[in-house]
């Protein structure tokens, strides 16, 4: 460090951790009244009570075993659409497991058969409508449940489950584990899916 002269005595600056300390200046080595402290990092002296604590909070994250995912088959014959969709969404997300984590995919695969035999309560078969829009003028289309059941019954269950999963990339990944088929047959015999009773 350089020397700063005050009268005839040099004043040396000694650099410490967070400030500069200027040694006292005097003719006989006495203590000068004006001791100067210059802070170079004042923000470093401002400490939070949280930083002083030694304990650190830790969040447990389960390890998802991809090779241990199970397969379930659900017969939609006579099942109520809304209650069936809730049951499927919980299995896809893994809410029935103790390792459930909201932002992780810990669920299993679900195979749904007899999609055309799912039922709706009340007068929803004719009163409930699905709307689609192509983006062009006059491209808005409406379709009730009866027409969609005759055209593509798999969409009834798929759209209901889609409304009950997160609307992000995780939700899109969860829907890839849902397999919906018309009729009692499915091509997932090698996976040996376990029968699961539909919620009523």
N, C-alpha and C. Protein backbone atom coordinates (compact mmCIF):
# COMPACT_ATOMS: atom_id res chain seq x y z
N UNK A 1 0.84 -1.19 0.00
CA UNK A 1 0.00 0.00 0.00
C UNK A 1 0.89 1.25 0.00
N UNK A 2 0.35 2.34 -0.52
CA UNK A 2 1.12 3.58 -0.52
C UNK A 2 1.07 4.27 0.82
N UNK A 3 1.88 5.32 0.94
CA UNK A 3 1.95 6.08 2.18
C UNK A 3 1.32 7.45 1.98
N UNK A 4 0.56 7.86 2.96
CA UNK A 4 -0.09 9.17 2.93
C UNK A 4 0.56 10.03 4.02
N UNK A 5 1.07 11.19 3.65
CA UNK A 5 1.81 12.03 4.58
C UNK A 5 0.88 13.00 5.26
N UNK A 6 1.04 13.10 6.57
CA UNK A 6 0.32 14.08 7.38
C UNK A 6 1.35 14.80 8.24
N UNK A 7 1.71 15.97 7.84
CA UNK A 7 2.82 16.65 8.52
C UNK A 7 4.13 15.99 8.13
N UNK A 8 4.86 15.49 9.12
CA UNK A 8 6.12 14.82 8.89
C UNK A 8 6.04 13.33 9.09
N UNK A 9 4.92 12.82 9.58
CA UNK A 9 4.82 11.40 9.86
C UNK A 9 4.01 10.72 8.75
N UNK A 10 4.54 9.63 8.22
CA UNK A 10 3.77 8.88 7.21
C UNK A 10 2.63 8.10 7.87
N UNK A 11 1.52 8.01 7.16
CA UNK A 11 0.39 7.22 7.61
C UNK A 11 0.24 6.04 6.67
N UNK A 12 0.49 4.85 7.18
CA UNK A 12 0.44 3.65 6.36
C UNK A 12 -0.97 3.05 6.44
N UNK A 13 -1.41 2.55 5.31
CA UNK A 13 -2.72 1.91 5.23
C UNK A 13 -2.53 0.39 5.22
N UNK A 14 -3.15 -0.25 6.14
CA UNK A 14 -3.07 -1.72 6.21
C UNK A 14 -4.43 -2.28 5.80
N UNK A 15 -4.46 -3.11 4.77
CA UNK A 15 -5.71 -3.66 4.25
C UNK A 15 -6.12 -4.88 5.07
N UNK A 16 -7.31 -4.84 5.60
CA UNK A 16 -7.86 -5.98 6.30
C UNK A 16 -8.91 -6.63 5.41
N UNK A 17 -9.72 -7.51 6.00
CA UNK A 17 -10.66 -8.29 5.20
C UNK A 17 -11.68 -7.39 4.51
N UNK A 18 -12.44 -6.62 5.28
CA UNK A 18 -13.57 -5.89 4.72
C UNK A 18 -13.39 -4.36 4.78
N UNK A 19 -12.25 -3.86 5.29
CA UNK A 19 -12.08 -2.42 5.39
C UNK A 19 -10.60 -2.10 5.43
N UNK A 20 -10.28 -0.82 5.21
CA UNK A 20 -8.94 -0.31 5.35
C UNK A 20 -8.80 0.39 6.69
N UNK A 21 -7.70 0.08 7.37
CA UNK A 21 -7.44 0.72 8.66
C UNK A 21 -6.18 1.58 8.51
N UNK A 22 -6.33 2.84 8.78
CA UNK A 22 -5.19 3.76 8.66
C UNK A 22 -4.56 3.93 10.04
N UNK A 23 -3.25 3.65 10.12
CA UNK A 23 -2.55 3.73 11.41
C UNK A 23 -2.52 5.16 11.90
N UNK A 24 -2.51 5.34 13.22
CA UNK A 24 -2.51 6.71 13.77
C UNK A 24 -1.22 7.45 13.44
N UNK A 25 -1.35 8.75 13.25
CA UNK A 25 -0.21 9.59 12.90
C UNK A 25 0.03 10.61 14.03
N UNK A 26 1.24 10.78 14.40
CA UNK A 26 1.57 11.76 15.43
C UNK A 26 3.07 12.00 15.48
N UNK A 27 3.46 13.06 16.09
CA UNK A 27 4.88 13.40 16.12
C UNK A 27 5.66 12.45 17.01
N UNK A 28 5.09 12.05 18.16
CA UNK A 28 5.80 11.18 19.08
C UNK A 28 5.20 9.78 19.10
N UNK A 29 4.57 9.44 18.07
CA UNK A 29 3.98 8.11 18.04
C UNK A 29 2.70 8.01 18.81
N UNK A 30 2.15 9.13 19.25
CA UNK A 30 0.90 9.11 20.00
C UNK A 30 -0.28 8.77 19.11
N UNK A 31 -1.41 8.65 19.75
CA UNK A 31 -2.62 8.30 19.02
C UNK A 31 -3.27 9.55 18.48
N UNK A 32 -3.50 9.56 17.19
CA UNK A 32 -4.16 10.70 16.59
C UNK A 32 -5.66 10.62 16.85
N UNK A 33 -6.29 11.76 16.98
CA UNK A 33 -7.71 11.75 17.28
C UNK A 33 -8.56 11.26 16.11
N UNK A 34 -8.08 11.44 14.91
CA UNK A 34 -8.85 11.09 13.72
C UNK A 34 -8.39 9.75 13.17
N UNK A 35 -8.95 8.70 13.70
CA UNK A 35 -8.71 7.36 13.15
C UNK A 35 -9.71 7.17 12.01
N UNK A 36 -9.24 6.71 10.87
CA UNK A 36 -10.09 6.61 9.69
C UNK A 36 -10.35 5.14 9.36
N UNK A 37 -11.60 4.80 9.23
CA UNK A 37 -12.00 3.47 8.80
C UNK A 37 -12.77 3.63 7.48
N UNK A 38 -12.31 2.97 6.45
CA UNK A 38 -12.94 3.08 5.15
C UNK A 38 -13.50 1.71 4.76
N UNK A 39 -14.83 1.60 4.68
CA UNK A 39 -15.46 0.34 4.28
C UNK A 39 -15.35 0.19 2.77
N UNK A 40 -14.88 -0.94 2.34
CA UNK A 40 -14.80 -1.23 0.91
C UNK A 40 -15.93 -2.12 0.45
N UNK A 41 -16.50 -2.96 1.33
CA UNK A 41 -17.61 -3.83 0.99
C UNK A 41 -18.67 -3.74 2.09
N UNK A 42 -19.43 -2.67 2.12
CA UNK A 42 -20.42 -2.55 3.21
C UNK A 42 -21.50 -3.62 3.14
N UNK A 43 -21.81 -4.12 1.90
CA UNK A 43 -22.85 -5.14 1.81
C UNK A 43 -22.41 -6.45 2.44
N UNK A 44 -21.10 -6.66 2.55
CA UNK A 44 -20.61 -7.89 3.16
C UNK A 44 -20.83 -7.91 4.67
N UNK A 45 -20.98 -6.71 5.26
CA UNK A 45 -21.20 -6.65 6.69
C UNK A 45 -22.65 -6.86 7.07
N UNK A 46 -23.52 -6.77 6.08
CA UNK A 46 -24.95 -6.96 6.34
C UNK A 46 -25.25 -8.44 6.21
N UNK A 47 -25.44 -9.09 7.29
CA UNK A 47 -25.70 -10.53 7.29
C UNK A 47 -27.13 -10.79 7.70
N UNK A 48 -27.69 -11.82 7.12
CA UNK A 48 -29.06 -12.20 7.44
C UNK A 48 -29.06 -13.25 8.54
N UNK A 49 -30.14 -13.27 9.29
CA UNK A 49 -30.25 -14.27 10.36
C UNK A 49 -30.35 -15.67 9.76
N UNK A 50 -30.89 -15.76 8.53
CA UNK A 50 -31.00 -17.08 7.92
C UNK A 50 -29.63 -17.62 7.50
N UNK A 51 -28.71 -16.71 7.10
CA UNK A 51 -27.38 -17.15 6.69
C UNK A 51 -26.53 -17.58 7.88
N UNK A 52 -26.84 -17.06 9.07
CA UNK A 52 -26.05 -17.40 10.23
C UNK A 52 -26.41 -18.77 10.79
N UNK A 53 -27.57 -19.29 10.39
CA UNK A 53 -27.97 -20.59 10.90
C UNK A 53 -27.16 -21.68 10.24
N UNK A 54 -26.77 -22.65 11.01
CA UNK A 54 -25.98 -23.75 10.49
C UNK A 54 -26.84 -24.84 9.87
N UNK A 55 -28.09 -24.98 10.35
CA UNK A 55 -28.95 -26.03 9.84
C UNK A 55 -29.43 -25.67 8.43
N UNK A 56 -29.41 -26.65 7.53
CA UNK A 56 -29.82 -26.46 6.14
C UNK A 56 -31.02 -27.35 5.88
N UNK A 57 -32.08 -26.76 5.31
CA UNK A 57 -33.27 -27.53 4.98
C UNK A 57 -32.99 -28.41 3.77
N UNK A 58 -33.42 -29.65 3.84
CA UNK A 58 -33.22 -30.58 2.74
C UNK A 58 -34.57 -31.13 2.30
N UNK A 59 -34.77 -31.22 1.01
CA UNK A 59 -36.00 -31.73 0.43
C UNK A 59 -35.74 -33.13 -0.11
N UNK A 60 -36.56 -34.07 0.31
CA UNK A 60 -36.40 -35.45 -0.14
C UNK A 60 -37.06 -35.62 -1.50
N UNK A 61 -36.33 -36.14 -2.45
CA UNK A 61 -36.85 -36.45 -3.77
C UNK A 61 -36.75 -37.95 -4.01
N UNK A 62 -37.85 -38.60 -4.27
CA UNK A 62 -37.79 -40.05 -4.49
C UNK A 62 -37.13 -40.38 -5.81
N UNK A 63 -36.55 -41.55 -5.86
CA UNK A 63 -35.94 -42.05 -7.09
C UNK A 63 -36.98 -42.85 -7.85
N UNK A 64 -37.31 -42.39 -9.04
CA UNK A 64 -38.33 -43.03 -9.85
C UNK A 64 -37.70 -44.16 -10.65
N UNK A 65 -38.15 -45.39 -10.39
CA UNK A 65 -37.66 -46.55 -11.11
C UNK A 65 -38.53 -46.75 -12.35
N UNK A 66 -37.97 -46.47 -13.51
CA UNK A 66 -38.74 -46.57 -14.74
C UNK A 66 -39.08 -48.01 -15.08
N UNK A 67 -38.24 -48.95 -14.67
CA UNK A 67 -38.48 -50.34 -15.02
C UNK A 67 -39.47 -51.01 -14.06
N UNK A 68 -39.96 -50.29 -13.06
CA UNK A 68 -40.90 -50.87 -12.10
C UNK A 68 -42.31 -50.30 -12.25
N UNK A 69 -42.58 -49.65 -13.37
CA UNK A 69 -43.93 -49.14 -13.60
C UNK A 69 -44.87 -50.30 -13.89
N UNK A 70 -46.04 -50.24 -13.32
CA UNK A 70 -47.03 -51.29 -13.50
C UNK A 70 -48.01 -50.92 -14.61
N UNK A 71 -48.72 -51.93 -15.08
CA UNK A 71 -49.76 -51.75 -16.09
C UNK A 71 -51.09 -52.16 -15.49
N UNK A 72 -52.11 -51.35 -15.72
CA UNK A 72 -53.45 -51.62 -15.22
C UNK A 72 -54.43 -51.58 -16.40
N UNK A 73 -55.40 -52.46 -16.37
CA UNK A 73 -56.45 -52.47 -17.37
C UNK A 73 -57.78 -52.24 -16.68
N UNK A 74 -58.56 -51.31 -17.22
CA UNK A 74 -59.84 -50.92 -16.63
C UNK A 74 -60.93 -51.13 -17.68
N UNK A 75 -62.00 -51.79 -17.27
CA UNK A 75 -63.15 -52.00 -18.15
C UNK A 75 -64.12 -50.85 -17.92
N UNK A 76 -64.33 -50.06 -18.97
CA UNK A 76 -65.20 -48.88 -18.86
C UNK A 76 -66.67 -49.20 -19.06
N UNK A 77 -67.04 -50.45 -19.12
CA UNK A 77 -68.43 -50.84 -19.35
C UNK A 77 -69.29 -50.42 -18.15
N UNK A 78 -70.18 -49.45 -18.36
CA UNK A 78 -71.07 -48.99 -17.30
C UNK A 78 -70.45 -48.01 -16.33
N UNK A 79 -69.19 -47.62 -16.52
CA UNK A 79 -68.53 -46.69 -15.60
C UNK A 79 -68.92 -45.25 -15.93
N UNK A 80 -69.05 -44.42 -14.91
CA UNK A 80 -69.35 -43.00 -15.11
C UNK A 80 -68.08 -42.30 -15.61
N UNK A 81 -68.24 -41.49 -16.64
CA UNK A 81 -67.07 -40.90 -17.31
C UNK A 81 -66.22 -40.05 -16.36
N UNK A 82 -66.84 -39.16 -15.60
CA UNK A 82 -66.07 -38.28 -14.73
C UNK A 82 -65.32 -39.02 -13.64
N UNK A 83 -65.98 -39.95 -12.99
CA UNK A 83 -65.33 -40.71 -11.92
C UNK A 83 -64.24 -41.61 -12.47
N UNK A 84 -64.45 -42.15 -13.65
CA UNK A 84 -63.42 -42.96 -14.29
C UNK A 84 -62.20 -42.12 -14.65
N UNK A 85 -62.44 -40.90 -15.13
CA UNK A 85 -61.33 -40.02 -15.50
C UNK A 85 -60.50 -39.63 -14.29
N UNK A 86 -61.14 -39.39 -13.15
CA UNK A 86 -60.41 -39.07 -11.92
C UNK A 86 -59.52 -40.24 -11.51
N UNK A 87 -60.06 -41.44 -11.57
CA UNK A 87 -59.29 -42.63 -11.20
C UNK A 87 -58.09 -42.82 -12.11
N UNK A 88 -58.28 -42.62 -13.41
CA UNK A 88 -57.18 -42.78 -14.36
C UNK A 88 -56.12 -41.70 -14.15
N UNK A 89 -56.53 -40.45 -13.94
CA UNK A 89 -55.58 -39.37 -13.75
C UNK A 89 -54.73 -39.58 -12.49
N UNK A 90 -55.33 -40.10 -11.42
CA UNK A 90 -54.56 -40.36 -10.20
C UNK A 90 -53.51 -41.44 -10.43
N UNK A 91 -53.85 -42.46 -11.20
CA UNK A 91 -52.88 -43.53 -11.47
C UNK A 91 -51.76 -43.03 -12.37
N UNK A 92 -52.11 -42.21 -13.36
CA UNK A 92 -51.08 -41.68 -14.27
C UNK A 92 -50.09 -40.79 -13.53
N UNK A 93 -50.56 -40.01 -12.58
CA UNK A 93 -49.68 -39.11 -11.82
C UNK A 93 -48.97 -39.81 -10.68
N UNK A 94 -49.47 -40.96 -10.24
CA UNK A 94 -48.86 -41.67 -9.12
C UNK A 94 -49.37 -41.22 -7.77
N UNK A 95 -50.58 -40.66 -7.73
CA UNK A 95 -51.13 -40.20 -6.46
C UNK A 95 -51.49 -41.35 -5.53
N UNK A 96 -51.55 -42.55 -6.05
CA UNK A 96 -51.85 -43.71 -5.21
C UNK A 96 -50.59 -44.33 -4.62
N UNK A 97 -49.46 -43.66 -4.75
CA UNK A 97 -48.19 -44.18 -4.24
C UNK A 97 -47.64 -43.24 -3.17
N UNK A 98 -46.89 -43.78 -2.21
CA UNK A 98 -46.29 -42.91 -1.18
C UNK A 98 -45.16 -42.04 -1.71
N UNK A 99 -44.65 -42.32 -2.90
CA UNK A 99 -43.55 -41.53 -3.47
C UNK A 99 -44.07 -40.45 -4.40
N UNK A 100 -45.36 -40.11 -4.32
CA UNK A 100 -45.92 -39.11 -5.22
C UNK A 100 -45.21 -37.77 -5.05
N UNK A 101 -44.79 -37.20 -6.18
CA UNK A 101 -44.16 -35.89 -6.20
C UNK A 101 -44.83 -35.08 -7.31
N UNK A 102 -45.33 -33.88 -7.03
CA UNK A 102 -46.12 -33.16 -8.02
C UNK A 102 -45.41 -32.90 -9.34
N UNK A 103 -44.09 -32.66 -9.32
CA UNK A 103 -43.40 -32.30 -10.56
C UNK A 103 -42.66 -33.48 -11.19
N UNK A 104 -42.89 -34.70 -10.72
CA UNK A 104 -42.25 -35.88 -11.28
C UNK A 104 -43.30 -36.86 -11.79
N UNK A 105 -42.91 -37.67 -12.75
CA UNK A 105 -43.78 -38.69 -13.31
C UNK A 105 -43.53 -39.99 -12.57
N UNK A 106 -44.36 -40.27 -11.58
CA UNK A 106 -44.22 -41.48 -10.77
C UNK A 106 -45.37 -42.45 -10.97
N UNK A 107 -46.18 -42.23 -12.01
CA UNK A 107 -47.37 -43.04 -12.21
C UNK A 107 -47.14 -44.28 -13.04
N UNK A 108 -48.22 -45.02 -13.27
CA UNK A 108 -48.20 -46.27 -14.02
C UNK A 108 -48.96 -46.11 -15.34
N UNK A 109 -48.95 -47.18 -16.13
CA UNK A 109 -49.67 -47.21 -17.39
C UNK A 109 -51.11 -47.67 -17.14
N UNK A 110 -52.03 -47.14 -17.93
CA UNK A 110 -53.44 -47.48 -17.80
C UNK A 110 -53.98 -47.84 -19.18
N UNK A 111 -54.62 -49.00 -19.26
CA UNK A 111 -55.27 -49.46 -20.49
C UNK A 111 -56.77 -49.49 -20.23
N UNK A 112 -57.53 -48.81 -21.07
CA UNK A 112 -58.98 -48.74 -20.92
C UNK A 112 -59.62 -49.46 -22.11
N UNK A 113 -60.52 -50.38 -21.81
CA UNK A 113 -61.23 -51.12 -22.85
C UNK A 113 -62.72 -50.79 -22.76
N UNK A 114 -63.46 -51.14 -23.82
CA UNK A 114 -64.89 -50.86 -23.91
C UNK A 114 -65.18 -49.38 -23.71
N UNK A 115 -64.43 -48.55 -24.42
CA UNK A 115 -64.59 -47.11 -24.26
C UNK A 115 -65.95 -46.64 -24.73
N UNK A 116 -66.56 -47.36 -25.67
CA UNK A 116 -67.86 -46.92 -26.20
C UNK A 116 -69.00 -47.17 -25.23
N UNK A 117 -68.75 -47.93 -24.14
CA UNK A 117 -69.80 -48.27 -23.19
C UNK A 117 -69.77 -47.42 -21.92
N UNK A 118 -68.94 -46.40 -21.92
CA UNK A 118 -68.92 -45.50 -20.77
C UNK A 118 -70.20 -44.68 -20.76
N UNK A 119 -70.66 -44.32 -19.57
CA UNK A 119 -71.94 -43.62 -19.48
C UNK A 119 -71.77 -42.27 -18.80
N UNK A 120 -72.73 -41.38 -19.09
CA UNK A 120 -72.79 -40.07 -18.46
C UNK A 120 -74.11 -39.95 -17.73
N UNK A 121 -74.11 -39.23 -16.63
CA UNK A 121 -75.31 -39.09 -15.81
C UNK A 121 -76.19 -37.97 -16.35
N UNK A 122 -77.45 -38.01 -15.98
CA UNK A 122 -78.38 -36.95 -16.36
C UNK A 122 -78.66 -36.94 -17.85
N UNK A 123 -78.80 -35.74 -18.38
CA UNK A 123 -79.11 -35.55 -19.79
C UNK A 123 -77.89 -35.13 -20.59
N UNK A 124 -76.69 -35.48 -20.11
CA UNK A 124 -75.46 -35.04 -20.78
C UNK A 124 -75.25 -35.72 -22.13
N UNK A 125 -75.88 -36.85 -22.35
CA UNK A 125 -75.68 -37.56 -23.61
C UNK A 125 -76.08 -36.69 -24.81
N UNK A 126 -77.10 -35.88 -24.64
CA UNK A 126 -77.56 -35.02 -25.73
C UNK A 126 -77.30 -33.54 -25.45
N UNK A 127 -77.26 -33.15 -24.18
CA UNK A 127 -77.11 -31.73 -23.84
C UNK A 127 -75.65 -31.28 -23.88
N UNK A 128 -74.73 -32.15 -23.50
CA UNK A 128 -73.31 -31.76 -23.46
C UNK A 128 -72.75 -31.74 -24.87
N UNK A 129 -72.00 -30.67 -25.20
CA UNK A 129 -71.44 -30.52 -26.53
C UNK A 129 -69.95 -30.26 -26.45
N UNK A 130 -69.25 -30.72 -27.48
CA UNK A 130 -67.82 -30.45 -27.64
C UNK A 130 -67.66 -29.49 -28.81
N UNK A 131 -66.86 -28.46 -28.62
CA UNK A 131 -66.66 -27.46 -29.66
C UNK A 131 -65.22 -27.51 -30.16
N UNK A 132 -65.03 -27.41 -31.45
CA UNK A 132 -63.71 -27.34 -32.07
C UNK A 132 -63.71 -26.20 -33.08
N UNK A 133 -62.57 -25.57 -33.22
CA UNK A 133 -62.46 -24.42 -34.13
C UNK A 133 -61.18 -24.58 -34.93
N UNK A 134 -61.31 -24.49 -36.26
CA UNK A 134 -60.17 -24.70 -37.15
C UNK A 134 -59.30 -23.45 -37.30
N UNK A 135 -59.83 -22.30 -36.88
CA UNK A 135 -59.10 -21.06 -37.06
C UNK A 135 -59.53 -20.27 -38.28
N UNK A 136 -60.31 -20.88 -39.12
CA UNK A 136 -60.81 -20.21 -40.32
C UNK A 136 -62.24 -19.74 -40.10
N UNK A 137 -62.66 -18.78 -40.93
CA UNK A 137 -64.01 -18.27 -40.82
C UNK A 137 -65.01 -19.39 -41.12
N UNK A 138 -65.97 -19.57 -40.23
CA UNK A 138 -66.95 -20.62 -40.38
C UNK A 138 -66.44 -22.00 -40.00
N UNK A 139 -65.27 -22.06 -39.34
CA UNK A 139 -64.68 -23.35 -38.99
C UNK A 139 -65.02 -23.85 -37.60
N UNK A 140 -66.04 -23.30 -36.99
CA UNK A 140 -66.45 -23.73 -35.65
C UNK A 140 -67.46 -24.88 -35.77
N UNK A 141 -67.16 -25.97 -35.06
CA UNK A 141 -68.02 -27.15 -35.12
C UNK A 141 -68.44 -27.57 -33.72
N UNK A 142 -69.65 -28.06 -33.60
CA UNK A 142 -70.20 -28.54 -32.33
C UNK A 142 -70.63 -29.99 -32.50
N UNK A 143 -70.38 -30.77 -31.44
CA UNK A 143 -70.70 -32.20 -31.48
C UNK A 143 -71.14 -32.64 -30.09
N UNK A 144 -72.27 -33.32 -30.00
CA UNK A 144 -72.73 -33.78 -28.70
C UNK A 144 -72.10 -35.14 -28.38
N UNK A 145 -72.38 -35.63 -27.19
CA UNK A 145 -71.73 -36.86 -26.72
C UNK A 145 -72.17 -38.05 -27.56
N UNK A 146 -73.43 -38.09 -27.95
CA UNK A 146 -73.92 -39.24 -28.73
C UNK A 146 -73.20 -39.34 -30.07
N UNK A 147 -73.00 -38.22 -30.74
CA UNK A 147 -72.31 -38.25 -32.03
C UNK A 147 -70.83 -38.61 -31.87
N UNK A 148 -70.20 -38.08 -30.83
CA UNK A 148 -68.79 -38.42 -30.62
C UNK A 148 -68.63 -39.88 -30.22
N UNK A 149 -69.56 -40.42 -29.46
CA UNK A 149 -69.48 -41.83 -29.09
C UNK A 149 -69.56 -42.71 -30.33
N UNK A 150 -70.40 -42.33 -31.29
CA UNK A 150 -70.52 -43.11 -32.52
C UNK A 150 -69.31 -42.93 -33.43
N UNK A 151 -68.72 -41.73 -33.44
CA UNK A 151 -67.59 -41.46 -34.34
C UNK A 151 -66.26 -41.92 -33.76
N UNK A 152 -65.95 -41.50 -32.53
CA UNK A 152 -64.65 -41.84 -31.93
C UNK A 152 -64.82 -41.89 -30.42
N UNK A 153 -65.25 -43.03 -29.86
CA UNK A 153 -65.50 -43.09 -28.40
C UNK A 153 -64.25 -42.97 -27.56
N UNK A 154 -63.07 -43.25 -28.14
CA UNK A 154 -61.84 -43.10 -27.37
C UNK A 154 -61.60 -41.66 -26.93
N UNK A 155 -62.08 -40.69 -27.75
CA UNK A 155 -61.88 -39.29 -27.41
C UNK A 155 -62.66 -38.88 -26.16
N UNK A 156 -63.77 -39.55 -25.88
CA UNK A 156 -64.52 -39.21 -24.68
C UNK A 156 -63.67 -39.36 -23.43
N UNK A 157 -62.99 -40.48 -23.31
CA UNK A 157 -62.16 -40.73 -22.12
C UNK A 157 -60.87 -39.92 -22.18
N UNK A 158 -60.29 -39.83 -23.36
CA UNK A 158 -59.01 -39.12 -23.48
C UNK A 158 -59.18 -37.64 -23.13
N UNK A 159 -60.24 -37.02 -23.63
CA UNK A 159 -60.45 -35.60 -23.32
C UNK A 159 -60.79 -35.37 -21.86
N UNK A 160 -61.52 -36.30 -21.26
CA UNK A 160 -61.86 -36.15 -19.84
C UNK A 160 -60.62 -36.25 -18.96
N UNK A 161 -59.72 -37.17 -19.28
CA UNK A 161 -58.48 -37.31 -18.50
C UNK A 161 -57.56 -36.12 -18.76
N UNK A 162 -57.55 -35.63 -19.98
CA UNK A 162 -56.70 -34.48 -20.31
C UNK A 162 -57.05 -33.27 -19.47
N UNK A 163 -58.33 -33.12 -19.12
CA UNK A 163 -58.73 -32.00 -18.28
C UNK A 163 -58.35 -32.13 -16.83
N UNK A 164 -57.82 -33.30 -16.42
CA UNK A 164 -57.49 -33.54 -15.01
C UNK A 164 -56.00 -33.74 -14.76
N UNK A 165 -55.16 -33.46 -15.73
CA UNK A 165 -53.71 -33.55 -15.56
C UNK A 165 -53.13 -32.16 -15.77
N UNK A 166 -51.90 -31.91 -15.33
CA UNK A 166 -51.29 -30.58 -15.50
C UNK A 166 -51.20 -30.19 -16.98
N UNK A 167 -51.42 -28.91 -17.25
CA UNK A 167 -51.36 -28.39 -18.61
C UNK A 167 -49.95 -27.90 -18.92
N UNK A 168 -49.02 -28.79 -18.98
CA UNK A 168 -47.63 -28.47 -19.29
C UNK A 168 -46.97 -29.70 -19.91
N UNK A 169 -45.65 -29.70 -19.99
CA UNK A 169 -44.94 -30.83 -20.60
C UNK A 169 -45.10 -32.10 -19.78
N UNK A 170 -45.24 -31.94 -18.45
CA UNK A 170 -45.46 -33.12 -17.63
C UNK A 170 -46.80 -33.76 -17.96
N UNK A 171 -47.83 -32.95 -18.15
CA UNK A 171 -49.14 -33.50 -18.50
C UNK A 171 -49.13 -34.21 -19.84
N UNK A 172 -48.41 -33.66 -20.81
CA UNK A 172 -48.31 -34.32 -22.11
C UNK A 172 -47.59 -35.66 -22.00
N UNK A 173 -46.60 -35.71 -21.11
CA UNK A 173 -45.89 -36.98 -20.90
C UNK A 173 -46.77 -38.00 -20.21
N UNK A 174 -47.60 -37.54 -19.28
CA UNK A 174 -48.49 -38.47 -18.58
C UNK A 174 -49.51 -39.10 -19.52
N UNK A 175 -50.01 -38.33 -20.46
CA UNK A 175 -51.03 -38.84 -21.37
C UNK A 175 -50.50 -39.90 -22.32
N UNK A 176 -49.18 -39.97 -22.50
CA UNK A 176 -48.62 -41.03 -23.35
C UNK A 176 -48.74 -42.40 -22.70
N UNK A 177 -49.02 -42.44 -21.40
CA UNK A 177 -49.19 -43.72 -20.70
C UNK A 177 -50.64 -44.18 -20.66
N UNK A 178 -51.53 -43.43 -21.28
CA UNK A 178 -52.93 -43.80 -21.33
C UNK A 178 -53.25 -44.44 -22.68
N UNK A 179 -53.79 -45.66 -22.65
CA UNK A 179 -54.14 -46.40 -23.85
C UNK A 179 -55.64 -46.72 -23.79
N UNK A 180 -56.39 -46.14 -24.71
CA UNK A 180 -57.85 -46.30 -24.73
C UNK A 180 -58.23 -47.04 -26.01
N UNK A 181 -59.09 -48.07 -25.86
CA UNK A 181 -59.48 -48.90 -27.01
C UNK A 181 -60.98 -49.13 -27.00
N UNK A 182 -61.51 -49.22 -28.20
CA UNK A 182 -62.90 -49.57 -28.39
C UNK A 182 -63.02 -51.08 -28.44
N UNK A 183 -63.92 -51.63 -27.66
CA UNK A 183 -64.07 -53.08 -27.62
C UNK A 183 -63.30 -53.69 -26.47
N UNK A 184 -63.42 -55.02 -26.29
CA UNK A 184 -62.80 -55.68 -25.13
C UNK A 184 -61.35 -56.12 -25.35
N UNK A 185 -60.77 -55.89 -26.50
CA UNK A 185 -59.42 -56.38 -26.79
C UNK A 185 -58.42 -55.22 -26.80
N UNK A 186 -57.18 -55.56 -26.46
CA UNK A 186 -56.08 -54.58 -26.50
C UNK A 186 -54.79 -55.32 -26.82
N UNK A 187 -53.80 -54.65 -27.41
CA UNK A 187 -52.55 -55.30 -27.82
C UNK A 187 -51.45 -55.30 -26.75
N UNK A 188 -51.80 -55.11 -25.48
CA UNK A 188 -50.78 -54.99 -24.43
C UNK A 188 -50.73 -56.23 -23.54
N UNK A 189 -50.98 -57.39 -24.13
CA UNK A 189 -50.89 -58.62 -23.37
C UNK A 189 -49.51 -58.93 -22.85
N UNK A 190 -48.42 -58.70 -23.64
CA UNK A 190 -47.07 -58.98 -23.10
C UNK A 190 -46.71 -58.19 -21.86
N UNK A 191 -47.33 -57.03 -21.64
CA UNK A 191 -47.05 -56.25 -20.44
C UNK A 191 -47.75 -56.80 -19.20
N UNK A 192 -48.63 -57.77 -19.37
CA UNK A 192 -49.35 -58.42 -18.28
C UNK A 192 -50.03 -57.39 -17.37
N UNK A 193 -50.96 -56.60 -17.91
CA UNK A 193 -51.64 -55.61 -17.07
C UNK A 193 -52.58 -56.28 -16.07
N UNK A 194 -52.64 -55.70 -14.89
CA UNK A 194 -53.51 -56.22 -13.82
C UNK A 194 -54.89 -55.57 -13.93
N UNK A 195 -55.92 -56.38 -13.69
CA UNK A 195 -57.28 -55.87 -13.75
C UNK A 195 -57.54 -54.90 -12.60
N UNK A 196 -58.21 -53.82 -12.92
CA UNK A 196 -58.54 -52.81 -11.91
C UNK A 196 -60.00 -52.43 -12.08
N UNK A 197 -60.73 -52.48 -11.00
CA UNK A 197 -62.16 -52.16 -11.05
C UNK A 197 -62.36 -50.67 -11.23
N UNK A 198 -63.27 -50.33 -12.14
CA UNK A 198 -63.54 -48.92 -12.39
C UNK A 198 -64.33 -48.31 -11.24
N UNK A 199 -64.05 -47.06 -10.97
CA UNK A 199 -64.74 -46.33 -9.91
C UNK A 199 -66.15 -45.99 -10.36
N UNK A 200 -67.14 -46.21 -9.50
CA UNK A 200 -68.54 -45.92 -9.82
C UNK A 200 -69.11 -44.97 -8.77
